[in-house]
């Protein structure tokens, strides 16, 4: 995992059964295009987030294929219906093979 990539997510700590909550997910990532050169004139390898997924209690709720034109630090906001307490897992996939993950718990109020 590249040290420059930092996932940041915002999930309510609790919700009522059946409540729809807003989830916010951002990853701080430089997004290297693969077209720039380093000081020695060598191409810097491409490193772009190309996919984002979110699973709630093992069930996929978001799966986004990301085009190379995505901006630095991609941000997603979406709603999820909470039917039970559990874990929300966020996963970002990088062209360079790196995978970045974060998990947040949500309780039933």
PDB file of N, CA and C in Angstrom:
ATOM      1  N   UNK A   1       0.844  -1.176   0.000  1.00  0.00           N
ATOM      2  CA  UNK A   1       0.000   0.000   0.000  1.00  0.00           C
ATOM      3  C   UNK A   1       0.890   1.240   0.000  1.00  0.00           C
ATOM      4  N   UNK A   2       0.605   2.136  -0.909  1.00  0.00           N
ATOM      5  CA  UNK A   2       1.358   3.382  -0.968  1.00  0.00           C
ATOM      6  C   UNK A   2       1.039   4.223   0.268  1.00  0.00           C
ATOM      7  N   UNK A   3       2.047   4.854   0.810  1.00  0.00           N
ATOM      8  CA  UNK A   3       1.857   5.602   2.047  1.00  0.00           C
ATOM      9  C   UNK A   3       1.047   6.880   1.839  1.00  0.00           C
ATOM     10  N   UNK A   4       0.908   7.329   0.584  1.00  0.00           N
ATOM     11  CA  UNK A   4       0.189   8.570   0.335  1.00  0.00           C
ATOM     12  C   UNK A   4      -1.326   8.386   0.291  1.00  0.00           C
ATOM     13  N   UNK A   5      -1.827   7.155   0.212  1.00  0.00           N
ATOM     14  CA  UNK A   5      -3.266   6.913   0.126  1.00  0.00           C
ATOM     15  C   UNK A   5      -3.855   6.755   1.523  1.00  0.00           C
ATOM     16  N   UNK A   6      -4.877   7.572   1.814  1.00  0.00           N
ATOM     17  CA  UNK A   6      -5.502   7.535   3.132  1.00  0.00           C
ATOM     18  C   UNK A   6      -7.015   7.560   2.986  1.00  0.00           C
ATOM     19  N   UNK A   7      -7.684   6.432   3.238  1.00  0.00           N
ATOM     20  CA  UNK A   7      -9.144   6.428   3.206  1.00  0.00           C
ATOM     21  C   UNK A   7      -9.725   7.232   4.364  1.00  0.00           C
ATOM     22  N   UNK A   8     -10.817   7.936   4.096  1.00  0.00           N
ATOM     23  CA  UNK A   8     -11.554   8.653   5.131  1.00  0.00           C
ATOM     24  C   UNK A   8     -13.036   8.430   4.865  1.00  0.00           C
ATOM     25  N   UNK A   9     -13.728   7.922   5.852  1.00  0.00           N
ATOM     26  CA  UNK A   9     -15.152   7.650   5.682  1.00  0.00           C
ATOM     27  C   UNK A   9     -15.946   8.228   6.850  1.00  0.00           C
ATOM     28  N   UNK A  10     -17.205   8.551   6.562  1.00  0.00           N
ATOM     29  CA  UNK A  10     -18.093   9.061   7.608  1.00  0.00           C
ATOM     30  C   UNK A  10     -19.368   8.220   7.583  1.00  0.00           C
ATOM     31  N   UNK A  11     -19.587   7.524   8.693  1.00  0.00           N
ATOM     32  CA  UNK A  11     -20.733   6.639   8.862  1.00  0.00           C
ATOM     33  C   UNK A  11     -21.365   6.975  10.206  1.00  0.00           C
ATOM     34  N   UNK A  12     -22.699   7.112  10.277  1.00  0.00           N
ATOM     35  CA  UNK A  12     -23.317   7.341  11.581  1.00  0.00           C
ATOM     36  C   UNK A  12     -22.993   6.184  12.532  1.00  0.00           C
ATOM     37  N   UNK A  13     -22.823   6.491  13.807  1.00  0.00           N
ATOM     38  CA  UNK A  13     -22.507   5.436  14.782  1.00  0.00           C
ATOM     39  C   UNK A  13     -23.695   4.520  15.014  1.00  0.00           C
ATOM     40  N   UNK A  14     -24.920   5.064  14.843  1.00  0.00           N
ATOM     41  CA  UNK A  14     -26.110   4.243  15.044  1.00  0.00           C
ATOM     42  C   UNK A  14     -27.235   4.739  14.146  1.00  0.00           C
ATOM     43  N   UNK A  15     -28.225   3.855  13.973  1.00  0.00           N
ATOM     44  CA  UNK A  15     -29.406   4.174  13.183  1.00  0.00           C
ATOM     45  C   UNK A  15     -30.552   3.304  13.666  1.00  0.00           C
ATOM     46  N   UNK A  16     -31.764   3.692  13.343  1.00  0.00           N
ATOM     47  CA  UNK A  16     -32.941   2.878  13.646  1.00  0.00           C
ATOM     48  C   UNK A  16     -33.100   1.829  12.552  1.00  0.00           C
ATOM     49  N   UNK A  17     -33.738   0.718  12.885  1.00  0.00           N
ATOM     50  CA  UNK A  17     -34.000  -0.309  11.879  1.00  0.00           C
ATOM     51  C   UNK A  17     -34.840   0.300  10.758  1.00  0.00           C
ATOM     52  N   UNK A  18     -34.394   0.119   9.518  1.00  0.00           N
ATOM     53  CA  UNK A  18     -35.097   0.653   8.356  1.00  0.00           C
ATOM     54  C   UNK A  18     -34.708   2.062   7.972  1.00  0.00           C
ATOM     55  N   UNK A  19     -33.909   2.720   8.802  1.00  0.00           N
ATOM     56  CA  UNK A  19     -33.497   4.095   8.508  1.00  0.00           C
ATOM     57  C   UNK A  19     -32.528   4.109   7.324  1.00  0.00           C
ATOM     58  N   UNK A  20     -32.655   5.140   6.491  1.00  0.00           N
ATOM     59  CA  UNK A  20     -31.721   5.350   5.388  1.00  0.00           C
ATOM     60  C   UNK A  20     -30.709   6.398   5.852  1.00  0.00           C
ATOM     61  N   UNK A  21     -29.433   6.022   5.814  1.00  0.00           N
ATOM     62  CA  UNK A  21     -28.373   6.914   6.278  1.00  0.00           C
ATOM     63  C   UNK A  21     -27.467   7.295   5.112  1.00  0.00           C
ATOM     64  N   UNK A  22     -26.847   8.441   5.231  1.00  0.00           N
ATOM     65  CA  UNK A  22     -25.910   8.920   4.215  1.00  0.00           C
ATOM     66  C   UNK A  22     -24.495   8.529   4.610  1.00  0.00           C
ATOM     67  N   UNK A  23     -23.795   7.931   3.668  1.00  0.00           N
ATOM     68  CA  UNK A  23     -22.409   7.494   3.847  1.00  0.00           C
ATOM     69  C   UNK A  23     -21.521   8.381   2.984  1.00  0.00           C
ATOM     70  N   UNK A  24     -20.390   8.791   3.528  1.00  0.00           N
ATOM     71  CA  UNK A  24     -19.432   9.611   2.780  1.00  0.00           C
ATOM     72  C   UNK A  24     -18.084   8.912   2.794  1.00  0.00           C
ATOM     73  N   UNK A  25     -17.471   8.804   1.614  1.00  0.00           N
ATOM     74  CA  UNK A  25     -16.180   8.117   1.498  1.00  0.00           C
ATOM     75  C   UNK A  25     -15.257   8.888   0.574  1.00  0.00           C
ATOM     76  N   UNK A  26     -14.042   9.100   1.039  1.00  0.00           N
ATOM     77  CA  UNK A  26     -13.023   9.812   0.274  1.00  0.00           C
ATOM     78  C   UNK A  26     -11.704   9.079   0.472  1.00  0.00           C
ATOM     79  N   UNK A  27     -10.896   9.066  -0.564  1.00  0.00           N
ATOM     80  CA  UNK A  27      -9.543   8.551  -0.393  1.00  0.00           C
ATOM     81  C   UNK A  27      -8.572   9.626  -0.871  1.00  0.00           C
ATOM     82  N   UNK A  28      -7.649  10.004   0.010  1.00  0.00           N
ATOM     83  CA  UNK A  28      -6.595  10.939  -0.366  1.00  0.00           C
ATOM     84  C   UNK A  28      -5.567  10.142  -1.163  1.00  0.00           C
ATOM     85  N   UNK A  29      -5.448  10.462  -2.439  1.00  0.00           N
ATOM     86  CA  UNK A  29      -4.593   9.698  -3.337  1.00  0.00           C
ATOM     87  C   UNK A  29      -4.111  10.617  -4.453  1.00  0.00           C
ATOM     88  N   UNK A  30      -2.819  10.572  -4.755  1.00  0.00           N
ATOM     89  CA  UNK A  30      -2.237  11.488  -5.743  1.00  0.00           C
ATOM     90  C   UNK A  30      -2.745  11.286  -7.168  1.00  0.00           C
ATOM     91  N   UNK A  31      -3.063  10.048  -7.547  1.00  0.00           N
ATOM     92  CA  UNK A  31      -3.519   9.721  -8.892  1.00  0.00           C
ATOM     93  C   UNK A  31      -2.445  10.062  -9.928  1.00  0.00           C
ATOM     94  N   UNK A  32      -1.512   9.198 -10.120  1.00  0.00           N
ATOM     95  CA  UNK A  32      -0.437   9.387 -11.091  1.00  0.00           C
ATOM     96  C   UNK A  32      -0.878   8.847 -12.450  1.00  0.00           C
ATOM     97  N   UNK A  33      -0.826   9.681 -13.483  1.00  0.00           N
ATOM     98  CA  UNK A  33      -1.356   9.333 -14.805  1.00  0.00           C
ATOM     99  C   UNK A  33      -0.506   8.339 -15.592  1.00  0.00           C
ATOM    100  N   UNK A  34       0.763   8.208 -15.236  1.00  0.00           N
ATOM    101  CA  UNK A  34       1.655   7.344 -16.013  1.00  0.00           C
ATOM    102  C   UNK A  34       2.261   8.062 -17.208  1.00  0.00           C
ATOM    103  N   UNK A  35       1.996   9.345 -17.332  1.00  0.00           N
ATOM    104  CA  UNK A  35       2.513  10.129 -18.460  1.00  0.00           C
ATOM    105  C   UNK A  35       3.599  11.115 -18.049  1.00  0.00           C
ATOM    106  N   UNK A  36       3.770  11.304 -16.755  1.00  0.00           N
ATOM    107  CA  UNK A  36       4.820  12.230 -16.281  1.00  0.00           C
ATOM    108  C   UNK A  36       6.135  11.486 -16.138  1.00  0.00           C
ATOM    109  N   UNK A  37       7.210  12.256 -16.161  1.00  0.00           N
ATOM    110  CA  UNK A  37       8.542  11.674 -15.999  1.00  0.00           C
ATOM    111  C   UNK A  37       9.172  12.164 -14.704  1.00  0.00           C
ATOM    112  N   UNK A  38      10.045  11.322 -14.127  1.00  0.00           N
ATOM    113  CA  UNK A  38      10.760  11.719 -12.921  1.00  0.00           C
ATOM    114  C   UNK A  38      11.979  12.553 -13.300  1.00  0.00           C
ATOM    115  N   UNK A  39      12.801  12.914 -12.321  1.00  0.00           N
ATOM    116  CA  UNK A  39      13.954  13.778 -12.579  1.00  0.00           C
ATOM    117  C   UNK A  39      14.983  13.140 -13.504  1.00  0.00           C
ATOM    118  N   UNK A  40      14.955  11.802 -13.622  1.00  0.00           N
ATOM    119  CA  UNK A  40      15.884  11.095 -14.505  1.00  0.00           C
ATOM    120  C   UNK A  40      15.299  10.844 -15.887  1.00  0.00           C
ATOM    121  N   UNK A  41      14.085  11.348 -16.126  1.00  0.00           N
ATOM    122  CA  UNK A  41      13.463  11.193 -17.432  1.00  0.00           C
ATOM    123  C   UNK A  41      12.707   9.889 -17.619  1.00  0.00           C
ATOM    124  N   UNK A  42      12.571   9.102 -16.553  1.00  0.00           N
ATOM    125  CA  UNK A  42      11.836   7.838 -16.646  1.00  0.00           C
ATOM    126  C   UNK A  42      10.362   8.087 -16.332  1.00  0.00           C
ATOM    127  N   UNK A  43       9.473   7.373 -17.037  1.00  0.00           N
ATOM    128  CA  UNK A  43       8.045   7.511 -16.778  1.00  0.00           C
ATOM    129  C   UNK A  43       7.715   7.055 -15.361  1.00  0.00           C
ATOM    130  N   UNK A  44       6.909   7.844 -14.685  1.00  0.00           N
ATOM    131  CA  UNK A  44       6.412   7.476 -13.357  1.00  0.00           C
ATOM    132  C   UNK A  44       5.248   6.513 -13.592  1.00  0.00           C
ATOM    133  N   UNK A  45       5.261   5.338 -12.985  1.00  0.00           N
ATOM    134  CA  UNK A  45       4.195   4.363 -13.228  1.00  0.00           C
ATOM    135  C   UNK A  45       2.806   4.894 -12.888  1.00  0.00           C
ATOM    136  N   UNK A  46       1.854   4.481 -13.683  1.00  0.00           N
ATOM    137  CA  UNK A  46       0.467   4.884 -13.467  1.00  0.00           C
ATOM    138  C   UNK A  46      -0.033   4.318 -12.134  1.00  0.00           C
ATOM    139  N   UNK A  47      -0.768   5.132 -11.388  1.00  0.00           N
ATOM    140  CA  UNK A  47      -1.354   4.735 -10.110  1.00  0.00           C
ATOM    141  C   UNK A  47      -2.644   5.527  -9.938  1.00  0.00           C
ATOM    142  N   UNK A  48      -3.753   4.931 -10.387  1.00  0.00           N
ATOM    143  CA  UNK A  48      -5.054   5.593 -10.362  1.00  0.00           C
ATOM    144  C   UNK A  48      -6.061   4.656  -9.702  1.00  0.00           C
ATOM    145  N   UNK A  49      -6.896   5.194  -8.838  1.00  0.00           N
ATOM    146  CA  UNK A  49      -7.989   4.409  -8.269  1.00  0.00           C
ATOM    147  C   UNK A  49      -8.951   4.102  -9.416  1.00  0.00           C
ATOM    148  N   UNK A  50      -9.195   2.803  -9.679  1.00  0.00           N
ATOM    149  CA  UNK A  50     -10.044   2.433 -10.809  1.00  0.00           C
ATOM    150  C   UNK A  50     -11.365   1.780 -10.402  1.00  0.00           C
ATOM    151  N   UNK A  51     -11.524   1.512  -9.114  1.00  0.00           N
ATOM    152  CA  UNK A  51     -12.776   0.898  -8.650  1.00  0.00           C
ATOM    153  C   UNK A  51     -12.977   1.189  -7.169  1.00  0.00           C
ATOM    154  N   UNK A  52     -14.234   1.382  -6.794  1.00  0.00           N
ATOM    155  CA  UNK A  52     -14.608   1.586  -5.402  1.00  0.00           C
ATOM    156  C   UNK A  52     -15.805   0.697  -5.106  1.00  0.00           C
ATOM    157  N   UNK A  53     -15.722  -0.049  -3.988  1.00  0.00           N
ATOM    158  CA  UNK A  53     -16.856  -0.873  -3.571  1.00  0.00           C
ATOM    159  C   UNK A  53     -17.173  -0.607  -2.111  1.00  0.00           C
ATOM    160  N   UNK A  54     -18.422  -0.881  -1.750  1.00  0.00           N
ATOM    161  CA  UNK A  54     -18.863  -0.778  -0.365  1.00  0.00           C
ATOM    162  C   UNK A  54     -19.798  -1.941  -0.088  1.00  0.00           C
ATOM    163  N   UNK A  55     -19.515  -2.675   0.984  1.00  0.00           N
ATOM    164  CA  UNK A  55     -20.336  -3.809   1.396  1.00  0.00           C
ATOM    165  C   UNK A  55     -20.864  -3.568   2.806  1.00  0.00           C
ATOM    166  N   UNK A  56     -22.121  -3.918   3.020  1.00  0.00           N
ATOM    167  CA  UNK A  56     -22.734  -3.809   4.342  1.00  0.00           C
ATOM    168  C   UNK A  56     -23.114  -5.218   4.785  1.00  0.00           C
ATOM    169  N   UNK A  57     -22.453  -5.677   5.849  1.00  0.00           N
ATOM    170  CA  UNK A  57     -22.645  -7.046   6.352  1.00  0.00           C
ATOM    171  C   UNK A  57     -22.459  -8.079   5.250  1.00  0.00           C
ATOM    172  N   UNK A  58     -21.440  -7.863   4.402  1.00  0.00           N
ATOM    173  CA  UNK A  58     -21.104  -8.816   3.352  1.00  0.00           C
ATOM    174  C   UNK A  58     -21.922  -8.697   2.085  1.00  0.00           C
ATOM    175  N   UNK A  59     -22.872  -7.773   2.047  1.00  0.00           N
ATOM    176  CA  UNK A  59     -23.697  -7.577   0.858  1.00  0.00           C
ATOM    177  C   UNK A  59     -23.249  -6.295   0.157  1.00  0.00           C
ATOM    178  N   UNK A  60     -22.956  -6.408  -1.129  1.00  0.00           N
ATOM    179  CA  UNK A  60     -22.490  -5.244  -1.886  1.00  0.00           C
ATOM    180  C   UNK A  60     -23.619  -4.224  -2.026  1.00  0.00           C
ATOM    181  N   UNK A  61     -23.312  -2.949  -1.687  1.00  0.00           N
ATOM    182  CA  UNK A  61     -24.291  -1.868  -1.833  1.00  0.00           C
ATOM    183  C   UNK A  61     -23.843  -0.826  -2.850  1.00  0.00           C
ATOM    184  N   UNK A  62     -22.536  -0.776  -3.149  1.00  0.00           N
ATOM    185  CA  UNK A  62     -21.999   0.143  -4.148  1.00  0.00           C
ATOM    186  C   UNK A  62     -20.819  -0.542  -4.831  1.00  0.00           C
ATOM    187  N   UNK A  63     -20.782  -0.430  -6.164  1.00  0.00           N
ATOM    188  CA  UNK A  63     -19.649  -0.937  -6.939  1.00  0.00           C
ATOM    189  C   UNK A  63     -19.476  -0.004  -8.125  1.00  0.00           C
ATOM    190  N   UNK A  64     -18.433   0.811  -8.086  1.00  0.00           N
ATOM    191  CA  UNK A  64     -18.226   1.853  -9.088  1.00  0.00           C
ATOM    192  C   UNK A  64     -16.931   1.597  -9.849  1.00  0.00           C
ATOM    193  N   UNK A  65     -17.037   1.492 -11.169  1.00  0.00           N
ATOM    194  CA  UNK A  65     -15.848   1.459 -12.027  1.00  0.00           C
ATOM    195  C   UNK A  65     -15.485   2.910 -12.306  1.00  0.00           C
ATOM    196  N   UNK A  66     -14.220   3.252 -12.090  1.00  0.00           N
ATOM    197  CA  UNK A  66     -13.776   4.645 -12.191  1.00  0.00           C
ATOM    198  C   UNK A  66     -12.885   4.812 -13.416  1.00  0.00           C
ATOM    199  N   UNK A  67     -13.209   5.799 -14.242  1.00  0.00           N
ATOM    200  CA  UNK A  67     -12.421   6.084 -15.439  1.00  0.00           C
ATOM    201  C   UNK A  67     -11.137   6.816 -15.088  1.00  0.00           C
ATOM    202  N   UNK A  68     -10.117   6.726 -15.960  1.00  0.00           N
ATOM    203  CA  UNK A  68      -8.836   7.387 -15.692  1.00  0.00           C
ATOM    204  C   UNK A  68      -8.933   8.910 -15.523  1.00  0.00           C
ATOM    205  N   UNK A  69     -10.016   9.524 -15.999  1.00  0.00           N
ATOM    206  CA  UNK A  69     -10.154  10.981 -15.887  1.00  0.00           C
ATOM    207  C   UNK A  69     -10.601  11.434 -14.500  1.00  0.00           C
ATOM    208  N   UNK A  70     -10.719  10.515 -13.546  1.00  0.00           N
ATOM    209  CA  UNK A  70     -11.153  10.867 -12.199  1.00  0.00           C
ATOM    210  C   UNK A  70     -10.159  11.846 -11.563  1.00  0.00           C
ATOM    211  N   UNK A  71     -10.678  12.708 -10.723  1.00  0.00           N
ATOM    212  CA  UNK A  71      -9.816  13.695 -10.068  1.00  0.00           C
ATOM    213  C   UNK A  71      -9.017  13.070  -8.927  1.00  0.00           C
ATOM    214  N   UNK A  72      -8.063  13.804  -8.463  1.00  0.00           N
ATOM    215  CA  UNK A  72      -7.325  13.424  -7.262  1.00  0.00           C
ATOM    216  C   UNK A  72      -8.309  13.381  -6.100  1.00  0.00           C
ATOM    217  N   UNK A  73      -8.088  12.471  -5.159  1.00  0.00           N
ATOM    218  CA  UNK A  73      -8.916  12.351  -3.957  1.00  0.00           C
ATOM    219  C   UNK A  73     -10.393  12.124  -4.271  1.00  0.00           C
ATOM    220  N   UNK A  74     -10.737  11.010  -4.963  1.00  0.00           N
ATOM    221  CA  UNK A  74     -12.138  10.780  -5.322  1.00  0.00           C
ATOM    222  C   UNK A  74     -13.043  10.658  -4.093  1.00  0.00           C
ATOM    223  N   UNK A  75     -14.215  11.277  -4.195  1.00  0.00           N
ATOM    224  CA  UNK A  75     -15.191  11.357  -3.106  1.00  0.00           C
ATOM    225  C   UNK A  75     -16.507  10.754  -3.571  1.00  0.00           C
ATOM    226  N   UNK A  76     -17.117   9.944  -2.719  1.00  0.00           N
ATOM    227  CA  UNK A  76     -18.421   9.356  -3.002  1.00  0.00           C
ATOM    228  C   UNK A  76     -19.346   9.606  -1.825  1.00  0.00           C
ATOM    229  N   UNK A  77     -20.605   9.894  -2.127  1.00  0.00           N
ATOM    230  CA  UNK A  77     -21.640  10.041  -1.114  1.00  0.00           C
ATOM    231  C   UNK A  77     -22.859   9.263  -1.597  1.00  0.00           C
ATOM    232  N   UNK A  78     -23.406   8.419  -0.726  1.00  0.00           N
ATOM    233  CA  UNK A  78     -24.534   7.588  -1.116  1.00  0.00           C
ATOM    234  C   UNK A  78     -25.333   7.206   0.128  1.00  0.00           C
ATOM    235  N   UNK A  79     -26.549   6.722  -0.104  1.00  0.00           N
ATOM    236  CA  UNK A  79     -27.436   6.341   0.990  1.00  0.00           C
ATOM    237  C   UNK A  79     -27.507   4.826   1.107  1.00  0.00           C
ATOM    238  N   UNK A  80     -27.636   4.342   2.345  1.00  0.00           N
ATOM    239  CA  UNK A  80     -27.762   2.916   2.637  1.00  0.00           C
ATOM    240  C   UNK A  80     -28.895   2.734   3.645  1.00  0.00           C
ATOM    241  N   UNK A  81     -29.739   1.749   3.386  1.00  0.00           N
ATOM    242  CA  UNK A  81     -30.807   1.400   4.333  1.00  0.00           C
ATOM    243  C   UNK A  81     -30.222   0.450   5.380  1.00  0.00           C
ATOM    244  N   UNK A  82     -30.436   0.769   6.644  1.00  0.00           N
ATOM    245  CA  UNK A  82     -29.894  -0.027   7.746  1.00  0.00           C
ATOM    246  C   UNK A  82     -30.998  -0.933   8.286  1.00  0.00           C
ATOM    247  N   UNK A  83     -30.854  -2.237   8.059  1.00  0.00           N
ATOM    248  CA  UNK A  83     -31.840  -3.197   8.558  1.00  0.00           C
ATOM    249  C   UNK A  83     -31.336  -3.957   9.783  1.00  0.00           C
ATOM    250  N   UNK A  84     -30.027  -3.822  10.063  1.00  0.00           N
ATOM    251  CA  UNK A  84     -29.426  -4.519  11.205  1.00  0.00           C
ATOM    252  C   UNK A  84     -28.108  -3.832  11.543  1.00  0.00           C
ATOM    253  N   UNK A  85     -27.623  -4.069  12.747  1.00  0.00           N
ATOM    254  CA  UNK A  85     -26.288  -3.577  13.111  1.00  0.00           C
ATOM    255  C   UNK A  85     -25.270  -4.354  12.286  1.00  0.00           C
ATOM    256  N   UNK A  86     -24.096  -3.759  12.099  1.00  0.00           N
ATOM    257  CA  UNK A  86     -23.066  -4.489  11.369  1.00  0.00           C
ATOM    258  C   UNK A  86     -21.926  -3.625  10.919  1.00  0.00           C
ATOM    259  N   UNK A  87     -21.137  -4.187  10.020  1.00  0.00           N
ATOM    260  CA  UNK A  87     -19.947  -3.509   9.507  1.00  0.00           C
ATOM    261  C   UNK A  87     -20.162  -3.049   8.071  1.00  0.00           C
ATOM    262  N   UNK A  88     -19.662  -1.855   7.804  1.00  0.00           N
ATOM    263  CA  UNK A  88     -19.657  -1.312   6.452  1.00  0.00           C
ATOM    264  C   UNK A  88     -18.198  -1.294   6.009  1.00  0.00           C
ATOM    265  N   UNK A  89     -17.901  -2.051   4.959  1.00  0.00           N
ATOM    266  CA  UNK A  89     -16.526  -2.179   4.467  1.00  0.00           C
ATOM    267  C   UNK A  89     -16.374  -1.397   3.168  1.00  0.00           C
ATOM    268  N   UNK A  90     -15.354  -0.559   3.138  1.00  0.00           N
ATOM    269  CA  UNK A  90     -15.037   0.267   1.978  1.00  0.00           C
ATOM    270  C   UNK A  90     -13.748  -0.245   1.354  1.00  0.00           C
ATOM    271  N   UNK A  91     -13.724  -0.378   0.023  1.00  0.00           N
ATOM    272  CA  UNK A  91     -12.526  -0.871  -0.650  1.00  0.00           C
ATOM    273  C   UNK A  91     -12.269  -0.052  -1.904  1.00  0.00           C
ATOM    274  N   UNK A  92     -11.024   0.417  -2.029  1.00  0.00           N
ATOM    275  CA  UNK A  92     -10.574   1.135  -3.214  1.00  0.00           C
ATOM    276  C   UNK A  92      -9.499   0.299  -3.894  1.00  0.00           C
ATOM    277  N   UNK A  93      -9.565   0.198  -5.224  1.00  0.00           N
ATOM    278  CA  UNK A  93      -8.611  -0.596  -5.997  1.00  0.00           C
ATOM    279  C   UNK A  93      -7.780   0.337  -6.882  1.00  0.00           C
ATOM    280  N   UNK A  94      -6.466   0.140  -6.863  1.00  0.00           N
ATOM    281  CA  UNK A  94      -5.522   0.982  -7.589  1.00  0.00           C
ATOM    282  C   UNK A  94      -4.982   0.223  -8.794  1.00  0.00           C
ATOM    283  N   UNK A  95      -4.711   0.943  -9.877  1.00  0.00           N
ATOM    284  CA  UNK A  95      -4.100   0.345 -11.074  1.00  0.00           C
ATOM    285  C   UNK A  95      -2.806  -0.387 -10.760  1.00  0.00           C
ATOM    286  N   UNK A  96      -2.085   0.062  -9.744  1.00  0.00           N
ATOM    287  CA  UNK A  96      -0.786  -0.548  -9.437  1.00  0.00           C
ATOM    288  C   UNK A  96      -0.919  -1.839  -8.628  1.00  0.00           C
ATOM    289  N   UNK A  97      -2.162  -2.278  -8.390  1.00  0.00           N
ATOM    290  CA  UNK A  97      -2.400  -3.517  -7.649  1.00  0.00           C
ATOM    291  C   UNK A  97      -2.679  -3.309  -6.171  1.00  0.00           C
ATOM    292  N   UNK A  98      -2.482  -2.105  -5.676  1.00  0.00           N
ATOM    293  CA  UNK A  98      -2.754  -1.824  -4.266  1.00  0.00           C
ATOM    294  C   UNK A  98      -4.256  -1.840  -4.003  1.00  0.00           C
ATOM    295  N   UNK A  99      -4.619  -2.267  -2.804  1.00  0.00           N
ATOM    296  CA  UNK A  99      -6.012  -2.255  -2.361  1.00  0.00           C
ATOM    297  C   UNK A  99      -6.037  -1.554  -1.012  1.00  0.00           C
ATOM    298  N   UNK A 100      -6.930  -0.591  -0.876  1.00  0.00           N
ATOM    299  CA  UNK A 100      -7.044   0.189   0.355  1.00  0.00           C
ATOM    300  C   UNK A 100      -8.411  -0.092   0.954  1.00  0.00           C
ATOM    301  N   UNK A 101      -8.454  -0.371   2.266  1.00  0.00           N
ATOM    302  CA  UNK A 101      -9.709  -0.726   2.904  1.00  0.00           C
ATOM    303  C   UNK A 101      -9.921   0.047   4.208  1.00  0.00           C
ATOM    304  N   UNK A 102     -11.186   0.202   4.539  1.00  0.00           N
ATOM    305  CA  UNK A 102     -11.561   0.749   5.835  1.00  0.00           C
ATOM    306  C   UNK A 102     -12.886   0.089   6.212  1.00  0.00           C
ATOM    307  N   UNK A 103     -13.115  -0.108   7.496  1.00  0.00           N
ATOM    308  CA  UNK A 103     -14.335  -0.724   7.992  1.00  0.00           C
ATOM    309  C   UNK A 103     -14.875   0.132   9.132  1.00  0.00           C
ATOM    310  N   UNK A 104     -16.161   0.393   9.095  1.00  0.00           N
ATOM    311  CA  UNK A 104     -16.828   1.124  10.171  1.00  0.00           C
ATOM    312  C   UNK A 104     -18.039   0.338  10.632  1.00  0.00           C
ATOM    313  N   UNK A 105     -18.281   0.334  11.923  1.00  0.00           N
ATOM    314  CA  UNK A 105     -19.435  -0.353  12.485  1.00  0.00           C
ATOM    315  C   UNK A 105     -20.596   0.618  12.620  1.00  0.00           C
ATOM    316  N   UNK A 106     -21.803   0.083  12.488  1.00  0.00           N
ATOM    317  CA  UNK A 106     -23.004   0.864  12.756  1.00  0.00           C
ATOM    318  C   UNK A 106     -23.893   0.033  13.674  1.00  0.00           C
ATOM    319  N   UNK A 107     -24.426   0.681  14.702  1.00  0.00           N
ATOM    320  CA  UNK A 107     -25.262  -0.004  15.692  1.00  0.00           C
ATOM    321  C   UNK A 107     -26.715   0.363  15.487  1.00  0.00           C
ATOM    322  N   UNK A 108     -27.593  -0.436  16.030  1.00  0.00           N
ATOM    323  CA  UNK A 108     -29.026  -0.133  16.001  1.00  0.00           C
ATOM    324  C   UNK A 108     -29.365   0.663  17.257  1.00  0.00           C
ATOM    325  N   UNK A 109     -30.008   1.802  17.053  1.00  0.00           N
ATOM    326  CA  UNK A 109     -30.357   2.691  18.176  1.00  0.00           C
ATOM    327  C   UNK A 109     -31.681   2.292  18.788  1.00  0.00           C
TER     328      UNK A 109
END
